[in-house]
Amino acid sequence: MDVESIGNRGKARFNHLQEDLEGISPKTLTDALKILQKEKLISRESYNEIPPRVEYYLTEDGKTLREAIVPLLKWTVERDINTRECTFPCRNVPNNSKRISLK
C-alpha cells in the first residue's frame, strides 16, 4: 500500500486508491489500509451520507514518512530501475512494472 498514492491526492477514497494501485484486490487494499491506520500513518474519515463516503489521508507521521521516502523513490526512477535486469537470484519480478508518480 501506498503512502505515496494518498500523499499525491491529499484525501483519497477507496476506489481512487484501487485505481492508483492497478491490480490490487479489494481485500488486500482493505488489509493494507487497516495496517497503515494501526501504525498511525493514515487516518480514515467517514461521512454520514447516502451512499456512504469514506476518505483516507496522511497523518503527521505519514507525511514525515512520505517526505523521507520520496527522495529514495526519485533516485530509483532516475536510475531507471524498472528497465534493468534484476541481479538478485531471489527476485523474479517482471521489468514492466508501473512507474511511480512523484508529484
PDB file of N, CA and C in Angstrom:
ATOM      1  N   MET A   1       0.837  -1.155   0.000  1.00  0.00           N
ATOM      2  CA  MET A   1       0.000   0.000   0.000  1.00  0.00           C
ATOM      3  C   MET A   1       0.855   1.180   0.000  1.00  0.00           C
ATOM      4  N   ASP A   2       0.120   2.164  -0.193  1.00  0.00           N
ATOM      5  CA  ASP A   2       0.919   3.188  -0.691  1.00  0.00           C
ATOM      6  C   ASP A   2       0.619   4.529  -0.076  1.00  0.00           C
ATOM      7  N   VAL A   3       1.564   4.912   0.740  1.00  0.00           N
ATOM      8  CA  VAL A   3       1.502   6.237   1.340  1.00  0.00           C
ATOM      9  C   VAL A   3       1.644   7.269   0.234  1.00  0.00           C
ATOM     10  N   GLU A   4       2.355   6.946  -0.813  1.00  0.00           N
ATOM     11  CA  GLU A   4       2.574   7.871  -1.922  1.00  0.00           C
ATOM     12  C   GLU A   4       1.262   8.191  -2.624  1.00  0.00           C
ATOM     13  N   SER A   5       0.422   7.212  -2.854  1.00  0.00           N
ATOM     14  CA  SER A   5      -0.846   7.436  -3.540  1.00  0.00           C
ATOM     15  C   SER A   5      -1.738   8.386  -2.750  1.00  0.00           C
ATOM     16  N   ILE A   6      -1.865   8.166  -1.465  1.00  0.00           N
ATOM     17  CA  ILE A   6      -2.668   9.052  -0.628  1.00  0.00           C
ATOM     18  C   ILE A   6      -2.003  10.420  -0.565  1.00  0.00           C
ATOM     19  N   GLY A   7      -0.692  10.454  -0.458  1.00  0.00           N
ATOM     20  CA  GLY A   7       0.036  11.717  -0.396  1.00  0.00           C
ATOM     21  C   GLY A   7      -0.157  12.573  -1.637  1.00  0.00           C
ATOM     22  N   ASN A   8      -0.241  11.945  -2.802  1.00  0.00           N
ATOM     23  CA  ASN A   8      -0.446  12.682  -4.047  1.00  0.00           C
ATOM     24  C   ASN A   8      -1.841  13.301  -4.107  1.00  0.00           C
ATOM     25  N   ARG A   9      -2.800  12.663  -3.491  1.00  0.00           N
ATOM     26  CA  ARG A   9      -4.187  13.110  -3.574  1.00  0.00           C
ATOM     27  C   ARG A   9      -4.604  14.020  -2.417  1.00  0.00           C
ATOM     28  N   GLY A  10      -3.910  13.997  -1.316  1.00  0.00           N
ATOM     29  CA  GLY A  10      -4.356  14.716  -0.125  1.00  0.00           C
ATOM     30  C   GLY A  10      -5.316  13.830   0.649  1.00  0.00           C
ATOM     31  N   LYS A  11      -6.531  13.702   0.154  1.00  0.00           N
ATOM     32  CA  LYS A  11      -7.504  12.738   0.674  1.00  0.00           C
ATOM     33  C   LYS A  11      -7.888  11.834  -0.483  1.00  0.00           C
ATOM     34  N   ALA A  12      -8.118  10.569  -0.178  1.00  0.00           N
ATOM     35  CA  ALA A  12      -8.434   9.623  -1.253  1.00  0.00           C
ATOM     36  C   ALA A  12      -9.522   8.670  -0.811  1.00  0.00           C
ATOM     37  N   ARG A  13     -10.400   8.375  -1.715  1.00  0.00           N
ATOM     38  CA  ARG A  13     -11.436   7.372  -1.471  1.00  0.00           C
ATOM     39  C   ARG A  13     -10.903   6.004  -1.885  1.00  0.00           C
ATOM     40  N   PHE A  14     -11.532   4.971  -1.360  1.00  0.00           N
ATOM     41  CA  PHE A  14     -11.101   3.591  -1.591  1.00  0.00           C
ATOM     42  C   PHE A  14     -10.949   3.302  -3.077  1.00  0.00           C
ATOM     43  N   ASN A  15     -11.963   3.644  -3.872  1.00  0.00           N
ATOM     44  CA  ASN A  15     -11.924   3.330  -5.309  1.00  0.00           C
ATOM     45  C   ASN A  15     -10.782   4.059  -6.023  1.00  0.00           C
ATOM     46  N   HIS A  16     -10.485   5.280  -5.593  1.00  0.00           N
ATOM     47  CA  HIS A  16      -9.366   6.007  -6.203  1.00  0.00           C
ATOM     48  C   HIS A  16      -8.046   5.306  -5.885  1.00  0.00           C
ATOM     49  N   LEU A  17      -7.915   4.854  -4.649  1.00  0.00           N
ATOM     50  CA  LEU A  17      -6.690   4.126  -4.278  1.00  0.00           C
ATOM     51  C   LEU A  17      -6.572   2.840  -5.079  1.00  0.00           C
ATOM     52  N   GLN A  18      -7.688   2.147  -5.241  1.00  0.00           N
ATOM     53  CA  GLN A  18      -7.660   0.901  -6.006  1.00  0.00           C
ATOM     54  C   GLN A  18      -7.277   1.159  -7.459  1.00  0.00           C
ATOM     55  N   GLU A  19      -7.733   2.266  -8.028  1.00  0.00           N
ATOM     56  CA  GLU A  19      -7.348   2.631  -9.399  1.00  0.00           C
ATOM     57  C   GLU A  19      -5.851   2.942  -9.468  1.00  0.00           C
ATOM     58  N   ASP A  20      -5.347   3.680  -8.477  1.00  0.00           N
ATOM     59  CA  ASP A  20      -3.928   4.037  -8.459  1.00  0.00           C
ATOM     60  C   ASP A  20      -3.031   2.811  -8.345  1.00  0.00           C
ATOM     61  N   LEU A  21      -3.517   1.812  -7.629  1.00  0.00           N
ATOM     62  CA  LEU A  21      -2.726   0.601  -7.381  1.00  0.00           C
ATOM     63  C   LEU A  21      -3.245  -0.528  -8.257  1.00  0.00           C
ATOM     64  N   GLU A  22      -3.131  -0.355  -9.539  1.00  0.00           N
ATOM     65  CA  GLU A  22      -3.636  -1.321 -10.523  1.00  0.00           C
ATOM     66  C   GLU A  22      -3.416  -2.758 -10.091  1.00  0.00           C
ATOM     67  N   GLY A  23      -4.471  -3.554 -10.166  1.00  0.00           N
ATOM     68  CA  GLY A  23      -4.344  -4.981  -9.919  1.00  0.00           C
ATOM     69  C   GLY A  23      -4.463  -5.399  -8.464  1.00  0.00           C
ATOM     70  N   ILE A  24      -4.546  -4.467  -7.530  1.00  0.00           N
ATOM     71  CA  ILE A  24      -4.677  -4.846  -6.123  1.00  0.00           C
ATOM     72  C   ILE A  24      -6.115  -5.279  -5.865  1.00  0.00           C
ATOM     73  N   SER A  25      -6.279  -6.346  -5.114  1.00  0.00           N
ATOM     74  CA  SER A  25      -7.619  -6.817  -4.807  1.00  0.00           C
ATOM     75  C   SER A  25      -8.221  -5.952  -3.700  1.00  0.00           C
ATOM     76  N   PRO A  26      -9.552  -5.856  -3.642  1.00  0.00           N
ATOM     77  CA  PRO A  26     -10.179  -5.075  -2.576  1.00  0.00           C
ATOM     78  C   PRO A  26      -9.776  -5.559  -1.181  1.00  0.00           C
ATOM     79  N   LYS A  27      -9.651  -6.864  -0.995  1.00  0.00           N
ATOM     80  CA  LYS A  27      -9.272  -7.399   0.321  1.00  0.00           C
ATOM     81  C   LYS A  27      -7.847  -6.985   0.683  1.00  0.00           C
ATOM     82  N   THR A  28      -6.933  -7.086  -0.258  1.00  0.00           N
ATOM     83  CA  THR A  28      -5.550  -6.700   0.002  1.00  0.00           C
ATOM     84  C   THR A  28      -5.458  -5.212   0.333  1.00  0.00           C
ATOM     85  N   LEU A  29      -6.190  -4.388  -0.409  1.00  0.00           N
ATOM     86  CA  LEU A  29      -6.197  -2.951  -0.145  1.00  0.00           C
ATOM     87  C   LEU A  29      -6.790  -2.670   1.234  1.00  0.00           C
ATOM     88  N   THR A  30      -7.896  -3.309   1.561  1.00  0.00           N
ATOM     89  CA  THR A  30      -8.521  -3.132   2.880  1.00  0.00           C
ATOM     90  C   THR A  30      -7.562  -3.520   3.989  1.00  0.00           C
ATOM     91  N   ASP A  31      -6.893  -4.657   3.835  1.00  0.00           N
ATOM     92  CA  ASP A  31      -5.927  -5.116   4.846  1.00  0.00           C
ATOM     93  C   ASP A  31      -4.780  -4.115   4.994  1.00  0.00           C
ATOM     94  N   ALA A  32      -4.280  -3.618   3.875  1.00  0.00           N
ATOM     95  CA  ALA A  32      -3.164  -2.663   3.914  1.00  0.00           C
ATOM     96  C   ALA A  32      -3.594  -1.356   4.585  1.00  0.00           C
ATOM     97  N   LEU A  33      -4.796  -0.883   4.274  1.00  0.00           N
ATOM     98  CA  LEU A  33      -5.294   0.345   4.897  1.00  0.00           C
ATOM     99  C   LEU A  33      -5.429   0.174   6.413  1.00  0.00           C
ATOM    100  N   LYS A  34      -5.906  -0.988   6.837  1.00  0.00           N
ATOM    101  CA  LYS A  34      -6.029  -1.252   8.277  1.00  0.00           C
ATOM    102  C   LYS A  34      -4.663  -1.238   8.959  1.00  0.00           C
ATOM    103  N   ILE A  35      -3.666  -1.817   8.317  1.00  0.00           N
ATOM    104  CA  ILE A  35      -2.304  -1.824   8.885  1.00  0.00           C
ATOM    105  C   ILE A  35      -1.765  -0.399   8.973  1.00  0.00           C
ATOM    106  N   LEU A  36      -1.939   0.381   7.906  1.00  0.00           N
ATOM    107  CA  LEU A  36      -1.454   1.760   7.912  1.00  0.00           C
ATOM    108  C   LEU A  36      -2.169   2.599   8.974  1.00  0.00           C
ATOM    109  N   GLN A  37      -3.457   2.319   9.188  1.00  0.00           N
ATOM    110  CA  GLN A  37      -4.189   3.005  10.255  1.00  0.00           C
ATOM    111  C   GLN A  37      -3.655   2.595  11.632  1.00  0.00           C
ATOM    112  N   LYS A  38      -3.433   1.307  11.804  1.00  0.00           N
ATOM    113  CA  LYS A  38      -2.923   0.811  13.080  1.00  0.00           C
ATOM    114  C   LYS A  38      -1.562   1.427  13.398  1.00  0.00           C
ATOM    115  N   GLU A  39      -0.732   1.611  12.376  1.00  0.00           N
ATOM    116  CA  GLU A  39       0.594   2.213  12.547  1.00  0.00           C
ATOM    117  C   GLU A  39       0.520   3.734  12.626  1.00  0.00           C
ATOM    118  N   LYS A  40      -0.693   4.271  12.517  1.00  0.00           N
ATOM    119  CA  LYS A  40      -0.943   5.716  12.602  1.00  0.00           C
ATOM    120  C   LYS A  40      -0.253   6.503  11.486  1.00  0.00           C
ATOM    121  N   LEU A  41      -0.197   5.893  10.299  1.00  0.00           N
ATOM    122  CA  LEU A  41       0.355   6.575   9.134  1.00  0.00           C
ATOM    123  C   LEU A  41      -0.742   7.220   8.296  1.00  0.00           C
ATOM    124  N   ILE A  42      -1.959   6.674   8.385  1.00  0.00           N
ATOM    125  CA  ILE A  42      -3.114   7.271   7.722  1.00  0.00           C
ATOM    126  C   ILE A  42      -4.275   7.310   8.710  1.00  0.00           C
ATOM    127  N   SER A  43      -5.239   8.174   8.396  1.00  0.00           N
ATOM    128  CA  SER A  43      -6.496   8.232   9.142  1.00  0.00           C
ATOM    129  C   SER A  43      -7.636   8.031   8.172  1.00  0.00           C
ATOM    130  N   ARG A  44      -8.753   7.636   8.726  1.00  0.00           N
ATOM    131  CA  ARG A  44      -9.952   7.347   7.945  1.00  0.00           C
ATOM    132  C   ARG A  44     -11.052   8.266   8.438  1.00  0.00           C
ATOM    133  N   GLU A  45     -11.729   8.924   7.499  1.00  0.00           N
ATOM    134  CA  GLU A  45     -12.832   9.807   7.858  1.00  0.00           C
ATOM    135  C   GLU A  45     -14.096   9.325   7.162  1.00  0.00           C
ATOM    136  N   SER A  46     -15.139   9.063   7.940  1.00  0.00           N
ATOM    137  CA  SER A  46     -16.427   8.616   7.404  1.00  0.00           C
ATOM    138  C   SER A  46     -17.404   9.785   7.392  1.00  0.00           C
ATOM    139  N   TYR A  47     -18.179   9.879   6.350  1.00  0.00           N
ATOM    140  CA  TYR A  47     -19.193  10.917   6.222  1.00  0.00           C
ATOM    141  C   TYR A  47     -20.563  10.255   6.262  1.00  0.00           C
ATOM    142  N   ASN A  48     -21.457  10.851   6.984  1.00  0.00           N
ATOM    143  CA  ASN A  48     -22.808  10.316   7.133  1.00  0.00           C
ATOM    144  C   ASN A  48     -23.648  10.754   5.932  1.00  0.00           C
ATOM    145  N   GLU A  49     -23.432  10.081   4.819  1.00  0.00           N
ATOM    146  CA  GLU A  49     -24.115  10.390   3.568  1.00  0.00           C
ATOM    147  C   GLU A  49     -24.660   9.113   2.971  1.00  0.00           C
ATOM    148  N   ILE A  50     -25.541   9.277   1.999  1.00  0.00           N
ATOM    149  CA  ILE A  50     -26.025   8.137   1.245  1.00  0.00           C
ATOM    150  C   ILE A  50     -25.697   8.413  -0.211  1.00  0.00           C
ATOM    151  N   PRO A  51     -24.920   7.580  -0.880  1.00  0.00           N
ATOM    152  CA  PRO A  51     -24.209   6.421  -0.328  1.00  0.00           C
ATOM    153  C   PRO A  51     -23.094   6.865   0.623  1.00  0.00           C
ATOM    154  N   PRO A  52     -22.681   5.971   1.513  1.00  0.00           N
ATOM    155  CA  PRO A  52     -21.632   6.323   2.473  1.00  0.00           C
ATOM    156  C   PRO A  52     -20.336   6.729   1.764  1.00  0.00           C
ATOM    157  N   ARG A  53     -19.652   7.677   2.361  1.00  0.00           N
ATOM    158  CA  ARG A  53     -18.381   8.140   1.797  1.00  0.00           C
ATOM    159  C   ARG A  53     -17.306   8.024   2.872  1.00  0.00           C
ATOM    160  N   VAL A  54     -16.171   7.449   2.486  1.00  0.00           N
ATOM    161  CA  VAL A  54     -15.030   7.308   3.389  1.00  0.00           C
ATOM    162  C   VAL A  54     -13.809   7.836   2.655  1.00  0.00           C
ATOM    163  N   GLU A  55     -13.006   8.634   3.353  1.00  0.00           N
ATOM    164  CA  GLU A  55     -11.772   9.150   2.776  1.00  0.00           C
ATOM    165  C   GLU A  55     -10.605   8.836   3.705  1.00  0.00           C
ATOM    166  N   TYR A  56      -9.461   8.611   3.089  1.00  0.00           N
ATOM    167  CA  TYR A  56      -8.227   8.326   3.824  1.00  0.00           C
ATOM    168  C   TYR A  56      -7.258   9.464   3.575  1.00  0.00           C
ATOM    169  N   TYR A  57      -6.476   9.806   4.596  1.00  0.00           N
ATOM    170  CA  TYR A  57      -5.494  10.874   4.453  1.00  0.00           C
ATOM    171  C   TYR A  57      -4.308  10.597   5.361  1.00  0.00           C
ATOM    172  N   LEU A  58      -3.175  11.215   5.041  1.00  0.00           N
ATOM    173  CA  LEU A  58      -1.954  11.013   5.810  1.00  0.00           C
ATOM    174  C   LEU A  58      -2.037  11.714   7.163  1.00  0.00           C
ATOM    175  N   THR A  59      -1.537  11.057   8.191  1.00  0.00           N
ATOM    176  CA  THR A  59      -1.351  11.689   9.493  1.00  0.00           C
ATOM    177  C   THR A  59      -0.031  12.455   9.431  1.00  0.00           C
ATOM    178  N   GLU A  60       0.314  13.123  10.498  1.00  0.00           N
ATOM    179  CA  GLU A  60       1.607  13.819  10.538  1.00  0.00           C
ATOM    180  C   GLU A  60       2.755  12.817  10.382  1.00  0.00           C
ATOM    181  N   ASP A  61       2.652  11.661  11.052  1.00  0.00           N
ATOM    182  CA  ASP A  61       3.689  10.627  10.882  1.00  0.00           C
ATOM    183  C   ASP A  61       3.749  10.150   9.440  1.00  0.00           C
ATOM    184  N   GLY A  62       2.589   9.996   8.803  1.00  0.00           N
ATOM    185  CA  GLY A  62       2.551   9.586   7.401  1.00  0.00           C
ATOM    186  C   GLY A  62       3.205  10.609   6.491  1.00  0.00           C
ATOM    187  N   LYS A  63       2.979  11.882   6.796  1.00  0.00           N
ATOM    188  CA  LYS A  63       3.596  12.949   5.991  1.00  0.00           C
ATOM    189  C   LYS A  63       5.110  12.946   6.137  1.00  0.00           C
ATOM    190  N   THR A  64       5.607  12.736   7.360  1.00  0.00           N
ATOM    191  CA  THR A  64       7.065  12.714   7.534  1.00  0.00           C
ATOM    192  C   THR A  64       7.669  11.475   6.879  1.00  0.00           C
ATOM    193  N   LEU A  65       6.960  10.341   6.923  1.00  0.00           N
ATOM    194  CA  LEU A  65       7.433   9.141   6.225  1.00  0.00           C
ATOM    195  C   LEU A  65       7.489   9.407   4.726  1.00  0.00           C
ATOM    196  N   ARG A  66       6.462  10.044   4.189  1.00  0.00           N
ATOM    197  CA  ARG A  66       6.428  10.364   2.759  1.00  0.00           C
ATOM    198  C   ARG A  66       7.604  11.262   2.385  1.00  0.00           C
ATOM    199  N   GLU A  67       7.870  12.267   3.210  1.00  0.00           N
ATOM    200  CA  GLU A  67       8.995  13.166   2.937  1.00  0.00           C
ATOM    201  C   GLU A  67      10.323  12.411   2.926  1.00  0.00           C
ATOM    202  N   ALA A  68      10.435  11.382   3.759  1.00  0.00           N
ATOM    203  CA  ALA A  68      11.664  10.602   3.820  1.00  0.00           C
ATOM    204  C   ALA A  68      11.786   9.638   2.637  1.00  0.00           C
ATOM    205  N   ILE A  69      10.663   9.105   2.170  1.00  0.00           N
ATOM    206  CA  ILE A  69      10.679   8.082   1.121  1.00  0.00           C
ATOM    207  C   ILE A  69      10.766   8.671  -0.285  1.00  0.00           C
ATOM    208  N   VAL A  70      10.161   9.814  -0.517  1.00  0.00           N
ATOM    209  CA  VAL A  70      10.116  10.378  -1.872  1.00  0.00           C
ATOM    210  C   VAL A  70      11.504  10.519  -2.491  1.00  0.00           C
ATOM    211  N   PRO A  71      12.529  11.020  -1.769  1.00  0.00           N
ATOM    212  CA  PRO A  71      13.855  11.089  -2.400  1.00  0.00           C
ATOM    213  C   PRO A  71      14.385   9.716  -2.843  1.00  0.00           C
ATOM    214  N   LEU A  72      14.117   8.686  -2.088  1.00  0.00           N
ATOM    215  CA  LEU A  72      14.544   7.342  -2.474  1.00  0.00           C
ATOM    216  C   LEU A  72      13.795   6.884  -3.732  1.00  0.00           C
ATOM    217  N   LEU A  73      12.511   7.156  -3.804  1.00  0.00           N
ATOM    218  CA  LEU A  73      11.738   6.791  -4.996  1.00  0.00           C
ATOM    219  C   LEU A  73      12.236   7.546  -6.224  1.00  0.00           C
ATOM    220  N   LYS A  74      12.519   8.833  -6.062  1.00  0.00           N
ATOM    221  CA  LYS A  74      13.056   9.615  -7.184  1.00  0.00           C
ATOM    222  C   LYS A  74      14.404   9.060  -7.639  1.00  0.00           C
ATOM    223  N   TRP A  75      15.228   8.663  -6.691  1.00  0.00           N
ATOM    224  CA  TRP A  75      16.527   8.094  -7.007  1.00  0.00           C
ATOM    225  C   TRP A  75      16.365   6.837  -7.858  1.00  0.00           C
ATOM    226  N   THR A  76      15.410   5.975  -7.495  1.00  0.00           N
ATOM    227  CA  THR A  76      15.224   4.745  -8.273  1.00  0.00           C
ATOM    228  C   THR A  76      14.716   5.042  -9.674  1.00  0.00           C
ATOM    229  N   VAL A  77      13.844   6.036  -9.803  1.00  0.00           N
ATOM    230  CA  VAL A  77      13.338   6.402 -11.126  1.00  0.00           C
ATOM    231  C   VAL A  77      14.468   6.971 -11.981  1.00  0.00           C
ATOM    232  N   GLU A  78      15.301   7.816 -11.387  1.00  0.00           N
ATOM    233  CA  GLU A  78      16.424   8.389 -12.130  1.00  0.00           C
ATOM    234  C   GLU A  78      17.394   7.313 -12.607  1.00  0.00           C
ATOM    235  N   ARG A  79      17.542   6.251 -11.834  1.00  0.00           N
ATOM    236  CA  ARG A  79      18.432   5.160 -12.235  1.00  0.00           C
ATOM    237  C   ARG A  79      17.758   4.236 -13.231  1.00  0.00           C
ATOM    238  N   ASP A  80      16.481   4.457 -13.485  1.00  0.00           N
ATOM    239  CA  ASP A  80      15.706   3.661 -14.435  1.00  0.00           C
ATOM    240  C   ASP A  80      15.705   2.183 -14.038  1.00  0.00           C
ATOM    241  N   ILE A  81      15.466   1.933 -12.765  1.00  0.00           N
ATOM    242  CA  ILE A  81      15.486   0.576 -12.219  1.00  0.00           C
ATOM    243  C   ILE A  81      14.504  -0.355 -12.927  1.00  0.00           C
ATOM    244  N   ASN A  82      13.352   0.162 -13.351  1.00  0.00           N
ATOM    245  CA  ASN A  82      12.324  -0.698 -13.940  1.00  0.00           C
ATOM    246  C   ASN A  82      12.754  -1.352 -15.247  1.00  0.00           C
ATOM    247  N   THR A  83      13.772  -0.823 -15.932  1.00  0.00           N
ATOM    248  CA  THR A  83      14.177  -1.409 -17.210  1.00  0.00           C
ATOM    249  C   THR A  83      15.439  -2.254 -17.090  1.00  0.00           C
ATOM    250  N   ARG A  84      15.995  -2.362 -15.903  1.00  0.00           N
ATOM    251  CA  ARG A  84      17.203  -3.153 -15.721  1.00  0.00           C
ATOM    252  C   ARG A  84      16.871  -4.583 -15.318  1.00  0.00           C
ATOM    253  N   GLU A  85      17.771  -5.456 -15.622  1.00  0.00           N
ATOM    254  CA  GLU A  85      17.648  -6.847 -15.208  1.00  0.00           C
ATOM    255  C   GLU A  85      17.973  -6.943 -13.720  1.00  0.00           C
ATOM    256  N   CYS A  86      17.138  -7.627 -12.977  1.00  0.00           N
ATOM    257  CA  CYS A  86      17.370  -7.798 -11.539  1.00  0.00           C
ATOM    258  C   CYS A  86      18.520  -8.784 -11.346  1.00  0.00           C
ATOM    259  N   THR A  87      19.497  -8.401 -10.516  1.00  0.00           N
ATOM    260  CA  THR A  87      20.666  -9.254 -10.309  1.00  0.00           C
ATOM    261  C   THR A  87      20.550 -10.132  -9.077  1.00  0.00           C
ATOM    262  N   PHE A  88      19.474  -9.972  -8.325  1.00  0.00           N
ATOM    263  CA  PHE A  88      19.291 -10.788  -7.127  1.00  0.00           C
ATOM    264  C   PHE A  88      18.595 -12.095  -7.503  1.00  0.00           C
ATOM    265  N   PRO A  89      19.195 -13.245  -7.162  1.00  0.00           N
ATOM    266  CA  PRO A  89      18.604 -14.523  -7.560  1.00  0.00           C
ATOM    267  C   PRO A  89      17.261 -14.802  -6.894  1.00  0.00           C
ATOM    268  N   CYS A  90      16.977 -14.140  -5.769  1.00  0.00           N
ATOM    269  CA  CYS A  90      15.728 -14.405  -5.068  1.00  0.00           C
ATOM    270  C   CYS A  90      14.555 -13.656  -5.680  1.00  0.00           C
ATOM    271  N   ARG A  91      14.815 -12.790  -6.662  1.00  0.00           N
ATOM    272  CA  ARG A  91      13.738 -11.995  -7.246  1.00  0.00           C
ATOM    273  C   ARG A  91      13.542 -12.364  -8.703  1.00  0.00           C
ATOM    274  N   ASN A  92      12.320 -12.633  -9.047  1.00  0.00           N
ATOM    275  CA  ASN A  92      11.981 -12.901 -10.432  1.00  0.00           C
ATOM    276  C   ASN A  92      10.774 -12.036 -10.774  1.00  0.00           C
ATOM    277  N   VAL A  93      10.985 -10.732 -10.789  1.00  0.00           N
ATOM    278  CA  VAL A  93       9.918  -9.770 -10.999  1.00  0.00           C
ATOM    279  C   VAL A  93      10.022  -9.228 -12.412  1.00  0.00           C
ATOM    280  N   PRO A  94       8.903  -9.189 -13.145  1.00  0.00           N
ATOM    281  CA  PRO A  94       8.963  -8.636 -14.495  1.00  0.00           C
ATOM    282  C   PRO A  94       9.402  -7.180 -14.468  1.00  0.00           C
ATOM    283  N   ASN A  95      10.084  -6.751 -15.508  1.00  0.00           N
ATOM    284  CA  ASN A  95      10.608  -5.385 -15.576  1.00  0.00           C
ATOM    285  C   ASN A  95       9.613  -4.394 -16.164  1.00  0.00           C
ATOM    286  N   ASN A  96       8.358  -4.786 -16.319  1.00  0.00           N
ATOM    287  CA  ASN A  96       7.361  -3.884 -16.889  1.00  0.00           C
ATOM    288  C   ASN A  96       6.457  -3.302 -15.805  1.00  0.00           C
ATOM    289  N   SER A  97       6.980  -3.074 -14.616  1.00  0.00           N
ATOM    290  CA  SER A  97       6.212  -2.521 -13.516  1.00  0.00           C
ATOM    291  C   SER A  97       5.768  -1.111 -13.840  1.00  0.00           C
ATOM    292  N   LYS A  98       4.621  -0.734 -13.290  1.00  0.00           N
ATOM    293  CA  LYS A  98       4.107   0.620 -13.491  1.00  0.00           C
ATOM    294  C   LYS A  98       5.011   1.611 -12.768  1.00  0.00           C
ATOM    295  N   ARG A  99       5.321   2.704 -13.404  1.00  0.00           N
ATOM    296  CA  ARG A  99       6.154   3.741 -12.820  1.00  0.00           C
ATOM    297  C   ARG A  99       5.424   4.427 -11.678  1.00  0.00           C
ATOM    298  N   ILE A 100       6.168   4.889 -10.703  1.00  0.00           N
ATOM    299  CA  ILE A 100       5.615   5.569  -9.548  1.00  0.00           C
ATOM    300  C   ILE A 100       5.459   7.046  -9.880  1.00  0.00           C
ATOM    301  N   SER A 101       4.307   7.612  -9.545  1.00  0.00           N
ATOM    302  CA  SER A 101       4.060   9.027  -9.764  1.00  0.00           C
ATOM    303  C   SER A 101       4.648   9.819  -8.608  1.00  0.00           C
ATOM    304  N   LEU A 102       5.583  10.704  -8.900  1.00  0.00           N
ATOM    305  CA  LEU A 102       6.236  11.513  -7.873  1.00  0.00           C
ATOM    306  C   LEU A 102       5.925  12.972  -8.100  1.00  0.00           C
ATOM    307  N   LYS A 103       4.848  13.438  -7.526  1.00  0.00           N
ATOM    308  CA  LYS A 103       4.450  14.839  -7.688  1.00  0.00           C
ATOM    309  C   LYS A 103       5.114  15.693  -6.655  1.00  0.00           C
TER     310      LYS A 103
END
